[in-house]
Each structure stands twice: as structure tokens, then as C-alpha cells.
């Protein structure tokens, strides 16, 4: 099945099994806004808990805050968002639709990649097990020709972005005859910049209002609280401040389900260090963060680093952790060395001294910052995509299963009475009451036990416990494993230890490097 079709199945599955709903659906929805459903919110909260505890429990020098969404508007002037937080937009005069110019060009580059992949797929089918994909990509004339065209476009595109050359972006669109997907025409306007922040007013009366913004990132709430945290927590460098919170961006091209939304959630940690030590810490957090991802066991080969060719004006190093989605490798987390730009800017615009006195050096200075920033929604999507499988069984039947990392699963254990009589429901509730204080459990008595197994496979429940006639005699149950579908007879008293071994977040945290 084509990856595009697989992704459509994942999106459909997310709605059907209570993970993600389109927001305001009874009113025909709201573009690029989604609601997390009953299973989705549990998975999302487990992801956030995994991140939060990996930051604040495993590191004595990292603490958390929760800053306000509304902030003084001068903060966004100081951070550069008012003047520079823009996307290059272009309109088609015939369809009256607006697009991001860079996305149109990225889609054109993706077409070259798609052509290469088709050539590779045809060759793989032709040569079978003898096929050497790496050698084919390096030597096939047709592939090399397409790759050369792709690299030429990419280089031209990167230069235009680095130079902020809006005229060149339009010229690329014209030269490559990129058409509007709706009208099919090339009747484009000039490219212009569009600020992504949502603006509103705050005040009790019309003549006393001021413009405020919904925050486009959570980082600034950390920077403006640097001294508050440092002094009240008696923090000594190096130390970090972590935060999970909502951010808002008026994305013109919001696409690929929850990958790019207008309302999203971030998990960010700003790590403050001595000037001159920032690149050492950048390298440290780069490897610490990818280890956090890989510990989930979704496949090390699905991750890669992508170093930035174009650095933001405040950064001296930046890399992305990319994950292989059905629509290609995409960024899920960024690690940036932000230098001392943010604290210096807030010192300048606020008129307040924002420095750290270093007792070892006996001097004050503005700390440098290493940022780790991960999108909760993108992380959620990567977990969902990596876990989804339509599995053919030996019996000729098939099942849809989510191989979710077990500590993240919305439901850890389903309790199933074989029949709704002979004391089995009561015994099942007794087991449920024993387990529910330690694990998210679900009691399920509807339909045949086989259908219940399939239902819990589809939401990623690691274990199903079936109460049957033998249970009433010897206090044992049938324990079924989601991934292997193997069943074993175990004592009820042993269930907490068995489930904890596989599903405990603490056991996952213990595998992480400190």
C-alpha cells in the first residue's frame, strides 16, 4: 500500500478509535484545529509525563514553570516576533487562494524525490533479492539525472531563503511552472511576508485597550522568568527551566493532520550555561534528546539529525531530530544554541538588568542558552504512525493493531469476563479495583472475547486479562499479550508485577542516560 494511503488509514483510525476528532465537527469543522479524544488525551498526557519526568526528575538542575499565554506585547518586540516572524506568501489570482511560497517549492522538490523513489521501486521489483539500492542510486543514469535537477532547485531555493529574496522565490515558481492545485493556472502575485501571530485586544473599555498576542512559542515565558526562578530556587549555572504549554500560529498552509496546526502544544527546556561552554552543552543535549526518543523502541533507523543550513539570527548552532513519517522524514524536535540573544534583548527592552553572578568567576554575565523544543502533537503523530499496523495472521484473517510503546498506552490492561454470569463480572471488577490505582485499566464485557481482543489491539492495550470458569476455582486468569497474541495462565496476585515490568514509566526512565 502506498504511504499516502497508509497515512489516510491512520487518520481514519485515529477518529474511529477515539484518539483525535476534527474540532467543531458538527459545524463542519475549523481548519487545522483538532480535539484529542478519550484515548488520544491519555496517550498525549503519557507523552508529556514521559518528557516532564525525564527532564525534572532525572536532572537535579532542571525545574519547571507554567507561564501565561498572554504576555506584555513588548516581549514579542524584543524577541523579534513582531518584525521577523513571517512566512513568504503568494496568491493565485484565478483561484483567489493563498499559499506559502516556500511550501510550493518544497512540494516541487518532493516531486523529484518521488520520481527517484519510483525508479528505485521499479528496479527493486525487477532485480529482486539481488538489488543493491545504494549502488543503484549512485550509478543509475536516470536517477542521477533527476537527482542533479533536484539538487539544482534545492540550492537555488536555499539561497533565496538565506538571502530573504522574495523576488527569487517567485521566479523559481515561474521557472518551474508550478501551478495552483485548484485553478491549475500560473497566474501568481508577488511574494510578500505575512506575520504568523494572532492579535487581540486587552482592556476593560474601548479607549483603554492594548494589542496583545497569543504566544507563538513558550520559550519567552521562560526567559522573562529567568531571574525569578534563579533567585527563588537558588539555582547555579548550568541549570534548566522546562515548560509544557499551548502556542498559536496563524499558519496559512496547515496540513498533514496534526503535524502542522494553528493551536498546538510544545515541550521546551531552556538550559542556561556559561558563555563559551554552549557548544559543549549543545552536543550533550543533542545526544541526550535522541536517546529519549530511541528509548521508546520505535526503531532507531526512523530517526536522523538534520543540521540547519540557515541559522536563525540568534543561533550559532541548530539541529532537528527528524522522524520518518509516512510522508517522509519530518522534524519532531529542535535543539538550538540561542547564544545570549534572548536575555540580552529582554534586558535592553525592559531596562532591567538580567545577568547571573557567577561565584566561581566572581563576575556577572548574561548566560548563553541551549534550547530543546519538541512539539507534543508531532510527537503524538510519530508514535501513532510508528505503531500502526494492518497485520495478516497465519489463519488468513487480519487485524489492525497499535504497537504503542507500553508505558505510553492509553489503557494498560483490559479486564474481560468471559461471560456475564457465574460470578465472572464480579471477579473481573475485583481485579479491576486491585489494578486501577497503579494502571489505567478498562472493564469490557460487550461482544465475544475475540472481538474484545481486536478492539483493544486497535487502541494499543498491551494486556488483556480474561476471567473464566477456572478463575473462580483457582484465582488464575488468562493473560494475553497484544503484540504476540500469546496467552498464558497466571495468578491474579502476580498481575501487578507482570504489568508493571512492561508498562511502568519508571522502568522506561531508568533506561535513559543521565
Protein backbone atom coordinates (compact mmCIF):
# COMPACT_ATOMS: atom_id res chain seq x y z
CA UNK A 1 0.00 0.00 0.00
CA UNK A 2 1.29 3.49 -0.87
CA UNK A 3 2.47 5.54 2.10
CA UNK A 4 -0.12 8.20 1.29
CA UNK A 5 -2.86 5.59 1.63
CA UNK A 6 -1.34 4.29 4.87
CA UNK A 7 -1.44 7.81 6.31
CA UNK A 8 -5.10 8.18 5.34
CA UNK A 9 -5.83 4.91 7.17
CA UNK A 10 -4.01 6.20 10.26
CA UNK A 11 -6.02 9.44 10.24
CA UNK A 12 -9.26 7.48 9.86
CA UNK A 13 -8.22 5.07 12.63
CA UNK A 14 -7.46 7.98 14.97
CA UNK A 15 -11.04 9.17 14.71
CA UNK A 16 -12.74 5.77 14.69
CA UNK A 17 -11.00 4.60 17.86
CA UNK A 18 -11.19 7.78 19.91
CA UNK A 19 -7.77 9.37 19.52
CA UNK A 20 -8.32 12.58 17.53
CA UNK A 21 -11.53 14.30 16.39
CA UNK A 22 -11.86 17.25 13.99
CA UNK A 23 -12.69 20.28 16.13
CA UNK A 24 -16.24 21.69 15.89
CA UNK A 25 -17.17 18.86 13.56
CA UNK A 26 -20.95 19.32 13.91
CA UNK A 27 -20.39 22.81 12.46
CA UNK A 28 -18.31 21.39 9.58
CA UNK A 29 -15.06 21.80 11.47
CA UNK A 30 -12.42 24.50 11.79
CA UNK A 31 -9.36 24.28 9.58
CA UNK A 32 -6.22 22.83 11.14
CA UNK A 33 -7.74 22.57 14.63
CA UNK A 34 -8.31 19.21 16.32
CA UNK A 35 -9.64 17.81 19.59
CA UNK A 36 -7.95 14.96 21.43
CA UNK A 37 -10.49 12.25 22.21
CA UNK A 38 -10.69 9.87 25.17
CA UNK A 39 -7.80 7.62 24.13
CA UNK A 40 -5.85 10.42 22.49
CA UNK A 41 -5.77 12.60 25.58
CA UNK A 42 -4.43 9.70 27.66
CA UNK A 43 -1.69 8.98 25.11
CA UNK A 44 -0.87 12.68 24.90
CA UNK A 45 -0.70 13.04 28.68
CA UNK A 46 1.58 9.99 28.91
CA UNK A 47 3.93 11.53 26.33
CA UNK A 48 4.01 14.76 28.32
CA UNK A 49 4.63 12.87 31.56
CA UNK A 50 7.49 10.93 29.98
CA UNK A 51 9.10 14.20 28.83
CA UNK A 52 8.45 16.10 32.08
CA UNK A 53 9.83 13.41 34.35
CA UNK A 54 12.82 12.80 32.08
CA UNK A 55 13.63 16.50 32.49
CA UNK A 56 12.71 17.33 36.06
CA UNK A 57 13.16 14.02 37.92
CA UNK A 58 16.35 12.82 36.24
CA UNK A 59 18.14 16.19 36.39
CA UNK A 60 18.59 17.94 39.73
CA UNK A 61 19.38 21.19 37.95
CA UNK A 62 16.19 21.41 35.85
CA UNK A 63 12.96 22.82 37.26
CA UNK A 64 9.61 23.56 35.67
CA UNK A 65 7.28 26.54 35.31
CA UNK A 66 3.93 27.26 33.67
CA UNK A 67 3.88 30.79 32.25
CA UNK A 68 0.84 32.68 30.98
CA UNK A 69 -0.31 32.59 27.37
CA UNK A 70 -0.94 36.36 27.40
CA UNK A 71 2.27 38.34 27.87
CA UNK A 72 3.24 42.00 27.65
CA UNK A 73 3.33 42.92 23.93
CA UNK A 74 6.84 44.42 24.20
CA UNK A 75 8.12 40.89 24.87
CA UNK A 76 7.33 39.98 21.25
CA UNK A 77 9.02 43.14 20.02
CA UNK A 78 12.15 42.21 21.99
CA UNK A 79 12.13 38.61 20.75
CA UNK A 80 11.84 39.70 17.11
CA UNK A 81 8.45 38.12 16.51
CA UNK A 82 6.69 41.39 15.69
CA UNK A 83 9.18 42.29 12.96
CA UNK A 84 10.50 38.95 11.73
CA UNK A 85 8.06 36.12 12.49
CA UNK A 86 6.85 35.85 8.93
CA UNK A 87 6.10 33.38 6.15
CA UNK A 88 6.54 34.18 2.43
CA UNK A 89 3.03 34.14 0.90
CA UNK A 90 1.83 34.16 -2.69
CA UNK A 91 -1.72 34.38 -4.09
CA UNK A 92 -3.19 32.85 -7.21
CA UNK A 93 -5.31 35.47 -8.96
CA UNK A 94 -7.66 32.90 -10.50
CA UNK A 95 -8.48 30.69 -7.52
CA UNK A 96 -8.12 33.58 -5.01
CA UNK A 97 -6.26 31.12 -2.78
CA UNK A 98 -3.18 31.97 -0.73
CA UNK A 99 -0.14 29.71 -0.38
CA UNK A 100 3.24 29.69 1.29
CA UNK A 101 5.78 30.16 -1.48
CA UNK A 102 8.37 28.03 0.29
CA UNK A 103 5.90 25.15 0.65
CA UNK A 104 5.03 25.26 -3.06
CA UNK A 105 8.73 24.95 -3.87
CA UNK A 106 9.28 22.22 -1.24
CA UNK A 107 6.44 20.26 -2.86
CA UNK A 108 8.19 20.62 -6.21
CA UNK A 109 11.42 19.29 -4.69
CA UNK A 110 9.41 16.39 -3.23
CA UNK A 111 8.23 15.52 -6.75
CA UNK A 112 11.86 14.91 -7.76
CA UNK A 113 12.30 12.69 -4.69
CA UNK A 114 9.15 10.81 -5.64
CA UNK A 115 10.42 10.24 -9.18
CA UNK A 116 13.67 8.81 -7.80
CA UNK A 117 11.79 6.54 -5.40
CA UNK A 118 9.65 5.23 -8.27
CA UNK A 119 12.77 4.38 -10.26
CA UNK A 120 14.19 2.60 -7.23
CA UNK A 121 10.94 0.70 -6.64
CA UNK A 122 10.80 -0.47 -10.28
CA UNK A 123 14.40 -1.65 -10.13
CA UNK A 124 13.84 -3.44 -6.82
CA UNK A 125 10.91 -5.30 -8.33
CA UNK A 126 12.93 -6.19 -11.44
CA UNK A 127 16.07 -7.43 -9.66
CA UNK A 128 14.52 -8.92 -6.53
CA UNK A 129 16.81 -10.04 -3.72
CA UNK A 130 19.93 -9.19 -5.75
CA UNK A 131 19.01 -5.49 -5.78
CA UNK A 132 21.52 -3.10 -4.21
CA UNK A 133 19.60 0.13 -3.61
CA UNK A 134 22.59 2.21 -2.57
CA UNK A 135 24.57 1.21 -5.66
CA UNK A 136 21.55 1.85 -7.91
CA UNK A 137 21.09 5.35 -6.52
CA UNK A 138 24.77 6.14 -7.06
CA UNK A 139 25.12 4.75 -10.60
CA UNK A 140 21.80 4.70 -12.47
CA UNK A 141 21.86 7.43 -15.18
CA UNK A 142 18.17 8.22 -14.88
CA UNK A 143 18.37 8.58 -11.09
CA UNK A 144 21.49 10.73 -11.36
CA UNK A 145 19.80 12.98 -13.90
CA UNK A 146 16.76 13.52 -11.65
CA UNK A 147 18.99 13.99 -8.60
CA UNK A 148 21.01 16.69 -10.38
CA UNK A 149 17.84 18.61 -11.24
CA UNK A 150 16.61 18.23 -7.70
CA UNK A 151 19.90 19.46 -6.21
CA UNK A 152 19.95 22.46 -8.55
CA UNK A 153 16.46 23.50 -7.45
CA UNK A 154 17.28 22.90 -3.79
CA UNK A 155 20.44 25.02 -3.94
CA UNK A 156 18.59 27.87 -5.63
CA UNK A 157 15.77 27.63 -3.09
CA UNK A 158 18.15 27.61 -0.10
CA UNK A 159 19.97 30.69 -1.40
CA UNK A 160 16.71 32.57 -1.87
CA UNK A 161 15.66 31.75 1.70
CA UNK A 162 19.04 32.70 3.15
CA UNK A 163 19.01 35.98 1.23
CA UNK A 164 15.34 36.60 2.04
CA UNK A 165 14.92 37.21 -1.69
CA UNK A 166 11.17 37.23 -2.27
CA UNK A 167 11.55 38.06 -5.97
CA UNK A 168 13.72 34.98 -6.49
CA UNK A 169 11.17 32.79 -4.72
CA UNK A 170 8.53 33.95 -7.19
CA UNK A 171 10.91 33.46 -10.11
CA UNK A 172 11.56 29.86 -9.03
CA UNK A 173 7.81 29.25 -9.01
CA UNK A 174 7.53 30.70 -12.51
CA UNK A 175 10.63 28.95 -13.90
CA UNK A 176 9.47 25.53 -12.70
CA UNK A 177 5.94 26.22 -13.91
CA UNK A 178 4.38 25.48 -10.54
CA UNK A 179 0.62 25.67 -10.89
CA UNK A 180 -2.14 26.39 -8.40
CA UNK A 181 -3.58 23.00 -7.38
CA UNK A 182 -7.14 24.39 -7.57
CA UNK A 183 -7.23 26.54 -10.72
CA UNK A 184 -4.35 24.83 -12.49
CA UNK A 185 -3.00 28.23 -13.57
CA UNK A 186 0.29 30.07 -13.08
CA UNK A 187 -1.28 33.48 -12.54
CA UNK A 188 0.67 34.37 -9.39
CA UNK A 189 1.01 37.60 -7.42
CA UNK A 190 4.31 38.79 -5.99
CA UNK A 191 5.60 37.06 -2.85
CA UNK A 192 5.21 39.03 0.37
CA UNK A 193 5.76 38.43 4.06
CA UNK A 194 2.88 37.60 6.42
CA UNK A 195 3.17 37.70 10.23
CA UNK A 196 2.02 34.48 11.90
CA UNK A 197 0.94 35.83 15.30
CA UNK A 198 -2.69 36.02 16.38
CA UNK A 199 -3.51 39.50 17.68
CA UNK A 200 -6.30 40.53 20.03
CA UNK A 201 -7.08 43.37 22.45
CA UNK A 202 -6.96 43.52 26.22
CA UNK A 203 -8.71 46.13 28.32
CA UNK A 204 -11.97 46.98 30.07
CA UNK A 205 -13.03 49.79 27.74
CA UNK A 206 -12.60 50.72 24.10
CA UNK A 207 -10.27 53.65 24.81
CA UNK A 208 -8.02 51.74 27.22
CA UNK A 209 -7.27 48.61 25.22
CA UNK A 210 -3.85 47.49 24.07
CA UNK A 211 -2.86 44.99 21.43
CA UNK A 212 -1.71 41.65 22.81
CA UNK A 213 -0.77 38.42 21.10
CA UNK A 214 -1.45 34.75 21.63
CA UNK A 215 2.06 33.47 22.21
CA UNK A 216 3.64 31.83 19.13
CA UNK A 217 6.09 29.89 21.33
CA UNK A 218 6.52 29.07 25.01
CA UNK A 219 10.22 29.95 25.28
CA UNK A 220 9.79 33.66 26.04
CA UNK A 221 7.83 32.87 29.19
CA UNK A 222 10.93 31.08 30.43
CA UNK A 223 13.34 33.89 29.51
CA UNK A 224 11.38 36.66 31.23
CA UNK A 225 11.21 34.49 34.38
CA UNK A 226 14.93 33.64 34.35
CA UNK A 227 15.83 35.79 37.36
CA UNK A 228 12.69 34.84 39.30
CA UNK A 229 13.49 31.14 39.02
CA UNK A 230 17.23 31.57 39.55
CA UNK A 231 16.84 33.62 42.72
CA UNK A 232 13.89 31.83 44.34
CA UNK A 233 15.34 28.40 43.52
CA UNK A 234 18.92 29.43 44.37
CA UNK A 235 19.92 27.88 41.04
CA UNK A 236 23.55 27.76 39.96
CA UNK A 237 24.72 27.52 36.35
CA UNK A 238 24.34 25.34 34.45
CA UNK A 239 20.61 24.87 35.05
CA UNK A 240 17.46 24.49 33.01
CA UNK A 241 13.83 25.61 33.07
CA UNK A 242 11.23 23.33 31.49
CA UNK A 243 7.71 24.13 30.37
CA UNK A 244 4.78 22.46 28.61
CA UNK A 245 2.15 24.73 27.13
CA UNK A 246 -0.03 25.86 24.24
CA UNK A 247 1.22 28.08 21.42
CA UNK A 248 -0.61 29.60 18.47
CA UNK A 249 0.41 30.38 14.90
CA UNK A 250 -1.77 31.60 12.08
CA UNK A 251 -0.46 29.02 9.64
CA UNK A 252 -1.65 29.64 6.08
CA UNK A 253 -0.68 26.16 4.95
CA UNK A 254 -1.73 23.86 7.76
CA UNK A 255 -1.66 20.26 6.59
CA UNK A 256 -0.83 16.63 7.27
CA UNK A 257 -3.37 16.14 10.03
CA UNK A 258 -1.97 17.24 13.43
CA UNK A 259 1.57 17.74 12.10
CA UNK A 260 1.01 21.46 11.44
CA UNK A 261 -1.80 23.17 13.33
CA UNK A 262 -2.83 26.66 14.37
CA UNK A 263 -3.17 25.69 18.03
CA UNK A 264 -0.53 23.28 19.28
CA UNK A 265 1.42 22.28 22.35
CA UNK A 266 5.14 22.50 22.99
CA UNK A 267 7.53 20.90 25.48
CA UNK A 268 10.52 23.22 25.81
CA UNK A 269 13.55 23.34 28.05
CA UNK A 270 15.96 26.27 28.12
CA UNK A 271 19.35 25.33 29.58
CA UNK A 272 21.46 28.26 30.80
CA UNK A 273 25.26 27.93 30.61
CA UNK A 274 28.45 29.94 30.81
CA UNK A 275 29.46 31.78 27.63
CA UNK A 276 32.00 29.68 25.76
CA UNK A 277 30.56 26.39 27.00
CA UNK A 278 27.43 26.48 24.84
CA UNK A 279 28.65 24.20 22.03
CA UNK A 280 29.72 21.54 24.53
CA UNK A 281 26.24 21.58 26.04
CA UNK A 282 24.63 21.73 22.59
CA UNK A 283 26.33 18.45 21.75
CA UNK A 284 25.31 16.99 25.13
CA UNK A 285 21.63 17.79 24.68
CA UNK A 286 21.66 16.70 21.06
CA UNK A 287 22.60 13.16 22.08
CA UNK A 288 20.54 13.16 25.29
CA UNK A 289 17.39 14.06 23.43
CA UNK A 290 17.71 11.49 20.65
CA UNK A 291 18.34 8.82 23.30
CA UNK A 292 14.99 9.84 24.87
CA UNK A 293 13.26 9.21 21.55
CA UNK A 294 15.02 5.94 20.77
CA UNK A 295 14.26 4.53 24.24
CA UNK A 296 10.65 4.14 23.11
CA UNK A 297 11.74 1.29 20.84
CA UNK A 298 10.05 2.50 17.66
CA UNK A 299 13.17 1.80 15.56
CA UNK A 300 16.50 3.65 15.69
CA UNK A 301 16.56 3.80 11.89
CA UNK A 302 13.47 6.02 11.93
CA UNK A 303 15.44 8.93 13.44
CA UNK A 304 18.06 11.21 12.00
CA UNK A 305 19.64 14.60 12.69
CA UNK A 306 19.21 17.42 10.22
CA UNK A 307 21.67 20.26 10.82
CA UNK A 308 20.35 23.67 9.79
CA UNK A 309 21.88 25.20 6.69
CA UNK A 310 20.29 28.54 7.53
CA UNK A 311 20.69 29.58 11.17
CA UNK A 312 18.29 31.94 12.88
CA UNK A 313 19.80 35.34 13.61
CA UNK A 314 20.15 34.48 17.31
CA UNK A 315 21.71 30.99 16.93
CA UNK A 316 25.26 29.69 16.49
CA UNK A 317 24.24 26.03 16.13
CA UNK A 318 20.98 24.25 15.39
CA UNK A 319 19.81 20.76 14.51
CA UNK A 320 16.49 18.96 14.18
CA UNK A 321 15.62 15.44 15.24
CA UNK A 322 13.58 14.12 12.32
CA UNK A 323 11.30 11.10 12.40
CA UNK A 324 10.26 9.01 9.41
CA UNK A 325 6.57 9.73 8.96
CA UNK A 326 4.54 8.14 6.13
CA UNK A 327 5.08 11.43 4.27
CA UNK A 328 8.86 11.48 4.75
CA UNK A 329 11.39 12.47 7.41
CA UNK A 330 9.95 15.42 9.35
CA UNK A 331 11.07 17.48 12.32
CA UNK A 332 9.70 16.50 15.72
CA UNK A 333 12.26 18.28 17.91
CA UNK A 334 14.74 21.11 17.56
CA UNK A 335 17.94 21.68 19.55
CA UNK A 336 19.31 25.20 19.27
CA UNK A 337 22.21 27.13 20.71
CA UNK A 338 20.49 30.53 21.09
CA UNK A 339 23.60 32.36 22.45
CA UNK A 340 22.66 35.20 24.85
CA UNK A 341 20.28 36.85 22.39
CA UNK A 342 17.00 36.43 24.29
CA UNK A 343 18.16 37.55 27.72
CA UNK A 344 20.11 40.46 26.21
CA UNK A 345 17.08 41.60 24.22
CA UNK A 346 14.80 41.50 27.26
CA UNK A 347 17.40 43.39 29.28
CA UNK A 348 17.52 46.05 26.55
CA UNK A 349 13.77 46.43 26.08
CA UNK A 350 12.77 46.17 29.76
CA UNK A 351 15.57 48.33 31.14
CA UNK A 352 16.12 45.72 33.87
CA UNK A 353 19.46 44.04 34.47
CA UNK A 354 19.17 40.33 33.60
CA UNK A 355 22.50 38.75 34.46
CA UNK A 356 23.89 35.93 36.57
CA UNK A 357 26.55 36.43 39.22
CA UNK A 358 28.99 33.53 38.99
CA UNK A 359 30.59 32.98 42.44
CA UNK A 360 33.35 30.83 40.97
CA UNK A 361 34.43 33.51 38.49
CA UNK A 362 33.40 36.38 40.78
CA UNK A 363 31.73 38.20 37.91
CA UNK A 364 28.33 38.85 36.38
CA UNK A 365 27.41 37.96 32.81
CA UNK A 366 24.49 37.16 30.54
CA UNK A 367 24.18 33.36 30.28
CA UNK A 368 24.04 31.54 26.96
CA UNK A 369 21.13 29.21 26.27
CA UNK A 370 20.68 25.75 24.79
CA UNK A 371 17.08 25.08 23.81
CA UNK A 372 15.36 21.74 23.33
CA UNK A 373 11.89 22.19 21.83
CA UNK A 374 9.56 19.33 20.93
CA UNK A 375 6.04 19.52 19.54
CA UNK A 376 3.67 17.39 21.61
CA UNK A 377 1.33 16.94 18.66
CA UNK A 378 4.13 15.93 16.30
CA UNK A 379 5.45 13.51 18.89
CA UNK A 380 1.93 12.09 19.25
CA UNK A 381 1.71 11.67 15.47
CA UNK A 382 5.11 9.97 15.24
CA UNK A 383 4.08 7.46 17.94
CA UNK A 384 0.77 6.80 16.18
CA UNK A 385 2.39 6.32 12.76
CA UNK A 386 5.18 4.08 14.04
CA UNK A 387 2.71 1.90 15.96
CA UNK A 388 0.02 1.38 13.32
CA UNK A 389 -0.01 -2.00 11.58
CA UNK A 390 -2.52 -3.90 9.48
CA UNK A 391 -1.28 -7.39 10.24
CA UNK A 392 -2.01 -10.53 8.23
CA UNK A 393 -2.41 -13.52 10.51
CA UNK A 394 -1.47 -17.15 9.87
CA UNK A 395 -5.16 -18.03 9.94
CA UNK A 396 -5.72 -15.87 6.86
CA UNK A 397 -7.52 -13.29 8.97
CA UNK A 398 -6.15 -9.83 9.65
CA UNK A 399 -6.16 -7.33 12.48
CA UNK A 400 -5.37 -3.65 12.99
CA UNK A 401 -3.04 -3.18 15.93
CA UNK A 402 -1.29 -0.23 17.53
CA UNK A 403 2.09 -1.39 18.84
CA UNK A 404 2.27 1.64 21.14
CA UNK A 405 5.25 1.87 23.50
CA UNK A 406 3.68 0.17 26.50
CA UNK A 407 4.31 2.90 29.10
CA UNK A 408 2.54 5.37 26.79
CA UNK A 409 -0.54 3.25 26.01
CA UNK A 410 -3.86 4.91 27.00
CA UNK A 411 -5.09 1.67 28.56
CA UNK A 412 -2.53 -0.68 30.09
CA UNK A 413 -4.84 -3.59 30.83
CA UNK A 414 -8.35 -4.65 29.79
CA UNK A 415 -10.32 -6.82 32.20
CA UNK A 416 -12.69 -9.18 30.36
CA UNK A 417 -15.20 -11.56 31.98
CA UNK A 418 -15.68 -14.47 29.59
CA UNK A 419 -19.46 -14.38 30.15
CA UNK A 420 -21.79 -12.07 32.05
CA UNK A 421 -22.78 -14.64 34.66
CA UNK A 422 -21.49 -17.21 37.18
CA UNK A 423 -19.77 -14.51 39.25
CA UNK A 424 -17.29 -13.64 36.49
CA UNK A 425 -18.27 -9.94 36.18
CA UNK A 426 -17.92 -9.54 39.94
CA UNK A 427 -14.49 -11.21 39.90
CA UNK A 428 -13.42 -9.04 36.98
CA UNK A 429 -14.44 -5.90 38.88
CA UNK A 430 -12.49 -7.15 41.88
CA UNK A 431 -9.35 -7.45 39.71
CA UNK A 432 -10.08 -4.04 38.20
CA UNK A 433 -10.28 -2.46 41.64
CA UNK A 434 -6.96 -4.07 42.57
CA UNK A 435 -5.12 -2.75 39.50
CA UNK A 436 -6.70 0.63 38.80
CA UNK A 437 -4.67 2.55 41.39
CA UNK A 438 -1.45 1.70 39.57
CA UNK A 439 -2.51 1.28 35.94
CA UNK A 440 -5.07 2.70 33.55
CA UNK A 441 -7.49 -0.23 33.20
CA UNK A 442 -10.72 -0.79 31.34
CA UNK A 443 -13.54 -3.21 32.12
CA UNK A 444 -15.09 -4.64 28.92
CA UNK A 445 -17.87 -7.23 28.79
CA UNK A 446 -19.56 -6.45 25.42
CA UNK A 447 -19.28 -8.86 22.43
CA UNK A 448 -17.34 -12.09 22.13
CA UNK A 449 -13.92 -12.24 23.74
CA UNK A 450 -12.31 -12.38 20.28
CA UNK A 451 -13.95 -9.12 19.24
CA UNK A 452 -12.87 -7.55 22.51
CA UNK A 453 -9.27 -8.61 21.85
CA UNK A 454 -9.41 -6.95 18.43
CA UNK A 455 -10.91 -3.79 19.88
CA UNK A 456 -8.10 -3.46 22.39
CA UNK A 457 -5.48 -4.30 19.77
CA UNK A 458 -6.80 -1.30 17.83
CA UNK A 459 -6.30 1.12 20.72
CA UNK A 460 -2.94 -0.36 21.70
CA UNK A 461 -3.81 -2.02 25.03
CA UNK A 462 -0.72 -4.12 25.95
CA UNK A 463 -2.54 -6.76 28.05
CA UNK A 464 -5.97 -8.35 28.20
CA UNK A 465 -6.97 -10.32 31.32
CA UNK A 466 -9.77 -12.83 30.80
CA UNK A 467 -11.77 -14.11 33.75
CA UNK A 468 -13.27 -17.55 33.09
CA UNK A 469 -14.60 -20.61 34.90
CA UNK A 470 -11.16 -21.71 36.07
CA UNK A 471 -10.63 -18.29 37.65
CA UNK A 472 -13.49 -19.00 40.00
CA UNK A 473 -11.76 -22.19 41.11
CA UNK A 474 -8.06 -21.28 41.46
CA UNK A 475 -7.72 -17.46 41.16
CA UNK A 476 -5.82 -17.63 37.88
CA UNK A 477 -6.63 -15.72 34.68
CA UNK A 478 -5.67 -15.82 31.01
CA UNK A 479 -3.21 -13.03 30.22
CA UNK A 480 -2.98 -12.14 26.51
CA UNK A 481 -0.12 -10.10 25.04
CA UNK A 482 -1.06 -7.50 22.41
CA UNK A 483 1.98 -7.89 20.16
CA UNK A 484 2.48 -11.65 20.16
CA UNK A 485 -1.18 -12.60 20.87
CA UNK A 486 0.23 -15.35 23.08
CA UNK A 487 -1.78 -16.33 26.15
CA UNK A 488 -0.59 -17.65 29.47
CA UNK A 489 -2.21 -18.68 32.70
CA UNK A 490 -1.12 -16.51 35.62
CA UNK A 491 -2.17 -15.98 39.21
CA UNK A 492 -4.21 -12.87 39.89
CA UNK A 493 -1.71 -11.94 42.60
CA UNK A 494 1.08 -11.84 40.00
CA UNK A 495 -0.67 -9.39 37.65
CA UNK A 496 0.67 -6.14 39.20
CA UNK A 497 4.30 -7.27 38.87
CA UNK A 498 3.85 -8.53 35.30
CA UNK A 499 2.09 -5.39 34.07
CA UNK A 500 4.47 -3.08 35.92
CA UNK A 501 7.53 -4.70 34.35
CA UNK A 502 6.26 -3.95 30.85
CA UNK A 503 4.22 -0.77 31.33
CA UNK A 504 5.89 1.20 34.11
CA UNK A 505 7.10 4.64 33.10
CA UNK A 506 9.71 4.42 35.85
CA UNK A 507 11.29 1.38 34.19
CA UNK A 508 11.45 3.30 30.91
CA UNK A 509 13.04 6.30 32.62
CA UNK A 510 15.70 4.04 34.14
CA UNK A 511 16.95 3.17 30.64
CA UNK A 512 17.79 6.79 29.85
CA UNK A 513 21.34 8.18 30.12
CA UNK A 514 21.78 10.61 32.99
